[in-house]
PDB file of N, CA and C in Angstrom:
ATOM      1  N   MET A   1       5.455  33.852  -6.921  1.00  0.00           N
ATOM      2  CA  MET A   1       6.318  33.306  -7.959  1.00  0.00           C
ATOM      3  C   MET A   1       6.017  31.810  -8.124  1.00  0.00           C
ATOM      4  N   LYS A   2       5.905  31.379  -9.348  1.00  0.00           N
ATOM      5  CA  LYS A   2       5.615  29.983  -9.640  1.00  0.00           C
ATOM      6  C   LYS A   2       6.864  29.130  -9.409  1.00  0.00           C
ATOM      7  N   ARG A   3       6.651  27.983  -8.794  1.00  0.00           N
ATOM      8  CA  ARG A   3       7.759  27.052  -8.559  1.00  0.00           C
ATOM      9  C   ARG A   3       8.180  26.425  -9.880  1.00  0.00           C
ATOM     10  N   SER A   4       9.422  26.045  -9.953  1.00  0.00           N
ATOM     11  CA  SER A   4       9.913  25.421 -11.174  1.00  0.00           C
ATOM     12  C   SER A   4       9.334  24.015 -11.316  1.00  0.00           C
ATOM     13  N   LEU A   5       9.214  23.587 -12.542  1.00  0.00           N
ATOM     14  CA  LEU A   5       8.712  22.247 -12.820  1.00  0.00           C
ATOM     15  C   LEU A   5       9.621  21.205 -12.181  1.00  0.00           C
ATOM     16  N   PHE A   6      10.912  21.460 -12.174  1.00  0.00           N
ATOM     17  CA  PHE A   6      11.873  20.537 -11.572  1.00  0.00           C
ATOM     18  C   PHE A   6      11.530  20.320 -10.095  1.00  0.00           C
ATOM     19  N   LEU A   7      11.276  21.396  -9.357  1.00  0.00           N
ATOM     20  CA  LEU A   7      10.943  21.265  -7.940  1.00  0.00           C
ATOM     21  C   LEU A   7       9.600  20.574  -7.743  1.00  0.00           C
ATOM     22  N   GLU A   8       8.655  20.863  -8.610  1.00  0.00           N
ATOM     23  CA  GLU A   8       7.351  20.191  -8.526  1.00  0.00           C
ATOM     24  C   GLU A   8       7.498  18.691  -8.747  1.00  0.00           C
ATOM     25  N   LEU A   9       8.318  18.299  -9.721  1.00  0.00           N
ATOM     26  CA  LEU A   9       8.532  16.879  -9.985  1.00  0.00           C
ATOM     27  C   LEU A   9       9.291  16.214  -8.841  1.00  0.00           C
ATOM     28  N   LEU A  10      10.245  16.927  -8.238  1.00  0.00           N
ATOM     29  CA  LEU A  10      10.956  16.380  -7.072  1.00  0.00           C
ATOM     30  C   LEU A  10       9.978  16.143  -5.923  1.00  0.00           C
ATOM     31  N   ASP A  11       9.083  17.087  -5.686  1.00  0.00           N
ATOM     32  CA  ASP A  11       8.081  16.929  -4.629  1.00  0.00           C
ATOM     33  C   ASP A  11       7.166  15.741  -4.919  1.00  0.00           C
ATOM     34  N   GLU A  12       6.768  15.610  -6.180  1.00  0.00           N
ATOM     35  CA  GLU A  12       5.905  14.486  -6.544  1.00  0.00           C
ATOM     36  C   GLU A  12       6.621  13.166  -6.312  1.00  0.00           C
ATOM     37  N   GLU A  13       7.876  13.094  -6.686  1.00  0.00           N
ATOM     38  CA  GLU A  13       8.659  11.872  -6.481  1.00  0.00           C
ATOM     39  C   GLU A  13       8.728  11.553  -4.991  1.00  0.00           C
ATOM     40  N   ALA A  14       8.981  12.565  -4.169  1.00  0.00           N
ATOM     41  CA  ALA A  14       9.102  12.360  -2.726  1.00  0.00           C
ATOM     42  C   ALA A  14       7.792  11.903  -2.090  1.00  0.00           C
ATOM     43  N   SER A  15       6.662  12.272  -2.692  1.00  0.00           N
ATOM     44  CA  SER A  15       5.369  11.919  -2.109  1.00  0.00           C
ATOM     45  C   SER A  15       4.899  10.515  -2.481  1.00  0.00           C
ATOM     46  N   LEU A  16       5.546   9.899  -3.453  1.00  0.00           N
ATOM     47  CA  LEU A  16       5.129   8.568  -3.888  1.00  0.00           C
ATOM     48  C   LEU A  16       5.516   7.514  -2.852  1.00  0.00           C
ATOM     49  N   PRO A  17       4.758   6.413  -2.781  1.00  0.00           N
ATOM     50  CA  PRO A  17       5.118   5.328  -1.860  1.00  0.00           C
ATOM     51  C   PRO A  17       6.507   4.796  -2.187  1.00  0.00           C
ATOM     52  N   LYS A  18       7.220   4.408  -1.158  1.00  0.00           N
ATOM     53  CA  LYS A  18       8.578   3.905  -1.337  1.00  0.00           C
ATOM     54  C   LYS A  18       8.566   2.384  -1.377  1.00  0.00           C
ATOM     55  N   GLY A  19       9.333   1.814  -2.288  1.00  0.00           N
ATOM     56  CA  GLY A  19       9.451   0.360  -2.375  1.00  0.00           C
ATOM     57  C   GLY A  19      10.645  -0.164  -1.613  1.00  0.00           C
ATOM     58  N   ALA A  20      11.479   0.729  -1.101  1.00  0.00           N
ATOM     59  CA  ALA A  20      12.728   0.323  -0.462  1.00  0.00           C
ATOM     60  C   ALA A  20      12.506  -0.519   0.787  1.00  0.00           C
ATOM     61  N   THR A  21      11.370  -0.347   1.444  1.00  0.00           N
ATOM     62  CA  THR A  21      11.140  -1.106   2.668  1.00  0.00           C
ATOM     63  C   THR A  21      10.735  -2.538   2.375  1.00  0.00           C
ATOM     64  N   GLY A  22      10.198  -2.776   1.192  1.00  0.00           N
ATOM     65  CA  GLY A  22       9.732  -4.110   0.843  1.00  0.00           C
ATOM     66  C   GLY A  22       8.495  -4.510   1.629  1.00  0.00           C
ATOM     67  N   ALA A  23       7.829  -3.538   2.247  1.00  0.00           N
ATOM     68  CA  ALA A  23       6.710  -3.824   3.145  1.00  0.00           C
ATOM     69  C   ALA A  23       5.361  -3.649   2.449  1.00  0.00           C
ATOM     70  N   PHE A  24       5.180  -4.265   1.319  1.00  0.00           N
ATOM     71  CA  PHE A  24       3.908  -4.176   0.618  1.00  0.00           C
ATOM     72  C   PHE A  24       2.997  -5.289   1.105  1.00  0.00           C
ATOM     73  N   ARG A  25       1.757  -4.923   1.367  1.00  0.00           N
ATOM     74  CA  ARG A  25       0.796  -5.899   1.874  1.00  0.00           C
ATOM     75  C   ARG A  25       0.228  -6.769   0.759  1.00  0.00           C
ATOM     76  N   SER A  26       0.334  -6.309  -0.473  1.00  0.00           N
ATOM     77  CA  SER A  26      -0.236  -7.089  -1.570  1.00  0.00           C
ATOM     78  C   SER A  26       0.470  -6.745  -2.878  1.00  0.00           C
ATOM     79  N   VAL A  27       0.271  -7.615  -3.834  1.00  0.00           N
ATOM     80  CA  VAL A  27       0.799  -7.375  -5.167  1.00  0.00           C
ATOM     81  C   VAL A  27       0.116  -6.157  -5.770  1.00  0.00           C
ATOM     82  N   ASP A  28      -1.169  -5.959  -5.447  1.00  0.00           N
ATOM     83  CA  ASP A  28      -1.921  -4.811  -5.937  1.00  0.00           C
ATOM     84  C   ASP A  28      -1.294  -3.502  -5.447  1.00  0.00           C
ATOM     85  N   GLU A  29      -0.893  -3.470  -4.185  1.00  0.00           N
ATOM     86  CA  GLU A  29      -0.256  -2.278  -3.623  1.00  0.00           C
ATOM     87  C   GLU A  29       1.071  -1.985  -4.333  1.00  0.00           C
ATOM     88  N   LEU A  30       1.844  -3.016  -4.582  1.00  0.00           N
ATOM     89  CA  LEU A  30       3.106  -2.863  -5.312  1.00  0.00           C
ATOM     90  C   LEU A  30       2.837  -2.355  -6.723  1.00  0.00           C
ATOM     91  N   GLY A  31       1.818  -2.902  -7.386  1.00  0.00           N
ATOM     92  CA  GLY A  31       1.465  -2.470  -8.733  1.00  0.00           C
ATOM     93  C   GLY A  31       1.077  -1.009  -8.785  1.00  0.00           C
ATOM     94  N   LYS A  32       0.323  -0.555  -7.797  1.00  0.00           N
ATOM     95  CA  LYS A  32      -0.075   0.855  -7.744  1.00  0.00           C
ATOM     96  C   LYS A  32       1.133   1.766  -7.581  1.00  0.00           C
ATOM     97  N   MET A  33       2.085   1.360  -6.746  1.00  0.00           N
ATOM     98  CA  MET A  33       3.297   2.156  -6.560  1.00  0.00           C
ATOM     99  C   MET A  33       4.079   2.248  -7.876  1.00  0.00           C
ATOM    100  N   LEU A  34       4.207   1.135  -8.558  1.00  0.00           N
ATOM    101  CA  LEU A  34       4.952   1.132  -9.821  1.00  0.00           C
ATOM    102  C   LEU A  34       4.237   1.949 -10.892  1.00  0.00           C
ATOM    103  N   GLN A  35       2.913   1.890 -10.924  1.00  0.00           N
ATOM    104  CA  GLN A  35       2.154   2.687 -11.886  1.00  0.00           C
ATOM    105  C   GLN A  35       2.314   4.181 -11.611  1.00  0.00           C
ATOM    106  N   ALA A  36       2.303   4.568 -10.347  1.00  0.00           N
ATOM    107  CA  ALA A  36       2.469   5.980  -9.992  1.00  0.00           C
ATOM    108  C   ALA A  36       3.860   6.466 -10.390  1.00  0.00           C
ATOM    109  N   ARG A  37       4.860   5.627 -10.185  1.00  0.00           N
ATOM    110  CA  ARG A  37       6.225   6.003 -10.555  1.00  0.00           C
ATOM    111  C   ARG A  37       6.378   6.071 -12.072  1.00  0.00           C
ATOM    112  N   ALA A  38       5.718   5.183 -12.792  1.00  0.00           N
ATOM    113  CA  ALA A  38       5.755   5.225 -14.256  1.00  0.00           C
ATOM    114  C   ALA A  38       5.082   6.496 -14.778  1.00  0.00           C
ATOM    115  N   ALA A  39       4.000   6.911 -14.137  1.00  0.00           N
ATOM    116  CA  ALA A  39       3.320   8.150 -14.537  1.00  0.00           C
ATOM    117  C   ALA A  39       4.243   9.351 -14.343  1.00  0.00           C
ATOM    118  N   LEU A  40       5.008   9.339 -13.263  1.00  0.00           N
ATOM    119  CA  LEU A  40       5.973  10.417 -13.027  1.00  0.00           C
ATOM    120  C   LEU A  40       7.008  10.459 -14.154  1.00  0.00           C
ATOM    121  N   VAL A  41       7.508   9.320 -14.543  1.00  0.00           N
ATOM    122  CA  VAL A  41       8.516   9.272 -15.606  1.00  0.00           C
ATOM    123  C   VAL A  41       7.920   9.763 -16.931  1.00  0.00           C
ATOM    124  N   ARG A  42       6.663   9.444 -17.202  1.00  0.00           N
ATOM    125  CA  ARG A  42       6.026   9.951 -18.426  1.00  0.00           C
ATOM    126  C   ARG A  42       5.942  11.483 -18.401  1.00  0.00           C
ATOM    127  N   LYS A  43       5.603  12.050 -17.240  1.00  0.00           N
ATOM    128  CA  LYS A  43       5.573  13.517 -17.106  1.00  0.00           C
ATOM    129  C   LYS A  43       6.966  14.098 -17.339  1.00  0.00           C
ATOM    130  N   MET A  44       7.961  13.430 -16.784  1.00  0.00           N
ATOM    131  CA  MET A  44       9.341  13.900 -16.938  1.00  0.00           C
ATOM    132  C   MET A  44       9.774  13.834 -18.399  1.00  0.00           C
ATOM    133  N   ASP A  45       9.417  12.755 -19.086  1.00  0.00           N
ATOM    134  CA  ASP A  45       9.759  12.619 -20.506  1.00  0.00           C
ATOM    135  C   ASP A  45       9.154  13.755 -21.317  1.00  0.00           C
ATOM    136  N   ALA A  46       7.884  14.067 -21.031  1.00  0.00           N
ATOM    137  CA  ALA A  46       7.205  15.146 -21.756  1.00  0.00           C
ATOM    138  C   ALA A  46       7.865  16.495 -21.441  1.00  0.00           C
ATOM    139  N   ALA A  47       8.224  16.715 -20.201  1.00  0.00           N
ATOM    140  CA  ALA A  47       8.868  17.977 -19.810  1.00  0.00           C
ATOM    141  C   ALA A  47      10.241  18.106 -20.465  1.00  0.00           C
ATOM    142  N   ARG A  48      10.973  17.003 -20.522  1.00  0.00           N
ATOM    143  CA  ARG A  48      12.298  17.042 -21.158  1.00  0.00           C
ATOM    144  C   ARG A  48      12.158  17.293 -22.651  1.00  0.00           C
ATOM    145  N   ALA A  49      11.201  16.627 -23.283  1.00  0.00           N
ATOM    146  CA  ALA A  49      10.985  16.816 -24.720  1.00  0.00           C
ATOM    147  C   ALA A  49      10.545  18.242 -25.027  1.00  0.00           C
ATOM    148  N   GLY A  50       9.804  18.857 -24.109  1.00  0.00           N
ATOM    149  CA  GLY A  50       9.327  20.225 -24.297  1.00  0.00           C
ATOM    150  C   GLY A  50      10.324  21.290 -23.870  1.00  0.00           C
ATOM    151  N   GLY A  51      11.500  20.872 -23.436  1.00  0.00           N
ATOM    152  CA  GLY A  51      12.538  21.819 -23.044  1.00  0.00           C
ATOM    153  C   GLY A  51      12.334  22.427 -21.660  1.00  0.00           C
ATOM    154  N   GLN A  52      11.423  21.856 -20.863  1.00  0.00           N
ATOM    155  CA  GLN A  52      11.163  22.386 -19.527  1.00  0.00           C
ATOM    156  C   GLN A  52      12.049  21.754 -18.465  1.00  0.00           C
ATOM    157  N   LEU A  53      12.770  20.717 -18.827  1.00  0.00           N
ATOM    158  CA  LEU A  53      13.603  19.975 -17.894  1.00  0.00           C
ATOM    159  C   LEU A  53      14.916  19.655 -18.595  1.00  0.00           C
ATOM    160  N   THR A  54      16.030  19.947 -17.929  1.00  0.00           N
ATOM    161  CA  THR A  54      17.332  19.638 -18.519  1.00  0.00           C
ATOM    162  C   THR A  54      17.630  18.151 -18.329  1.00  0.00           C
ATOM    163  N   GLN A  55      18.577  17.648 -19.069  1.00  0.00           N
ATOM    164  CA  GLN A  55      18.960  16.235 -18.935  1.00  0.00           C
ATOM    165  C   GLN A  55      19.490  15.968 -17.531  1.00  0.00           C
ATOM    166  N   ASP A  56      20.247  16.909 -16.958  1.00  0.00           N
ATOM    167  CA  ASP A  56      20.782  16.740 -15.613  1.00  0.00           C
ATOM    168  C   ASP A  56      19.650  16.651 -14.584  1.00  0.00           C
ATOM    169  N   GLN A  57      18.655  17.517 -14.708  1.00  0.00           N
ATOM    170  CA  GLN A  57      17.517  17.483 -13.794  1.00  0.00           C
ATOM    171  C   GLN A  57      16.756  16.166 -13.942  1.00  0.00           C
ATOM    172  N   TYR A  58      16.559  15.753 -15.168  1.00  0.00           N
ATOM    173  CA  TYR A  58      15.883  14.487 -15.457  1.00  0.00           C
ATOM    174  C   TYR A  58      16.632  13.330 -14.791  1.00  0.00           C
ATOM    175  N   ASP A  59      17.949  13.305 -14.976  1.00  0.00           N
ATOM    176  CA  ASP A  59      18.767  12.231 -14.408  1.00  0.00           C
ATOM    177  C   ASP A  59      18.701  12.208 -12.885  1.00  0.00           C
ATOM    178  N   GLN A  60      18.650  13.377 -12.252  1.00  0.00           N
ATOM    179  CA  GLN A  60      18.559  13.444 -10.791  1.00  0.00           C
ATOM    180  C   GLN A  60      17.264  12.806 -10.291  1.00  0.00           C
ATOM    181  N   ILE A  61      16.150  13.112 -10.947  1.00  0.00           N
ATOM    182  CA  ILE A  61      14.868  12.558 -10.510  1.00  0.00           C
ATOM    183  C   ILE A  61      14.808  11.060 -10.808  1.00  0.00           C
ATOM    184  N   VAL A  62      15.348  10.630 -11.932  1.00  0.00           N
ATOM    185  CA  VAL A  62      15.373   9.202 -12.270  1.00  0.00           C
ATOM    186  C   VAL A  62      16.169   8.427 -11.220  1.00  0.00           C
ATOM    187  N   ALA A  63      17.292   8.980 -10.783  1.00  0.00           N
ATOM    188  CA  ALA A  63      18.103   8.305  -9.763  1.00  0.00           C
ATOM    189  C   ALA A  63      17.316   8.140  -8.462  1.00  0.00           C
ATOM    190  N   LEU A  64      16.608   9.188  -8.056  1.00  0.00           N
ATOM    191  CA  LEU A  64      15.784   9.088  -6.845  1.00  0.00           C
ATOM    192  C   LEU A  64      14.662   8.076  -7.040  1.00  0.00           C
ATOM    193  N   ASN A  65      14.041   8.105  -8.209  1.00  0.00           N
ATOM    194  CA  ASN A  65      12.945   7.188  -8.514  1.00  0.00           C
ATOM    195  C   ASN A  65      13.424   5.740  -8.415  1.00  0.00           C
ATOM    196  N   ARG A  66      14.582   5.460  -8.964  1.00  0.00           N
ATOM    197  CA  ARG A  66      15.131   4.098  -8.896  1.00  0.00           C
ATOM    198  C   ARG A  66      15.434   3.708  -7.461  1.00  0.00           C
ATOM    199  N   LYS A  67      16.041   4.629  -6.735  1.00  0.00           N
ATOM    200  CA  LYS A  67      16.407   4.357  -5.343  1.00  0.00           C
ATOM    201  C   LYS A  67      15.167   4.058  -4.505  1.00  0.00           C
ATOM    202  N   HIS A  68      14.098   4.790  -4.726  1.00  0.00           N
ATOM    203  CA  HIS A  68      12.894   4.640  -3.916  1.00  0.00           C
ATOM    204  C   HIS A  68      11.969   3.541  -4.385  1.00  0.00           C
ATOM    205  N   SER A  69      12.118   3.069  -5.606  1.00  0.00           N
ATOM    206  CA  SER A  69      11.180   2.062  -6.096  1.00  0.00           C
ATOM    207  C   SER A  69      11.722   0.634  -6.009  1.00  0.00           C
ATOM    208  N   LEU A  70      13.013   0.484  -5.839  1.00  0.00           N
ATOM    209  CA  LEU A  70      13.582  -0.856  -5.792  1.00  0.00           C
ATOM    210  C   LEU A  70      13.775  -1.296  -4.335  1.00  0.00           C
ATOM    211  N   PRO A  71      13.387  -2.526  -4.004  1.00  0.00           N
ATOM    212  CA  PRO A  71      13.604  -3.023  -2.646  1.00  0.00           C
ATOM    213  C   PRO A  71      15.099  -3.114  -2.335  1.00  0.00           C
ATOM    214  N   GLN A  72      15.433  -2.751  -1.120  1.00  0.00           N
ATOM    215  CA  GLN A  72      16.822  -2.861  -0.672  1.00  0.00           C
ATOM    216  C   GLN A  72      16.997  -4.240  -0.052  1.00  0.00           C
ATOM    217  N   VAL A  73      17.910  -5.024  -0.606  1.00  0.00           N
ATOM    218  CA  VAL A  73      18.124  -6.370  -0.081  1.00  0.00           C
ATOM    219  C   VAL A  73      19.498  -6.504   0.506  1.00  0.00           C
TER     220      VAL A  73
END
């Protein structure tokens, strides 16, 4: 059985580097993390527009993305 797109996107979000630690060795490393997270959001936008992702599912992944990409101070 094929996994749902929602679960695939959740797994992708979980596999991305986390910014919460603030432990980036370089600006380049931080940029790569932000680019990867932006690519995830573009995939999510396309899935939502295509009816493959509900607004609630979209919001759940966005919340995780924000939590994991912003440094905790």
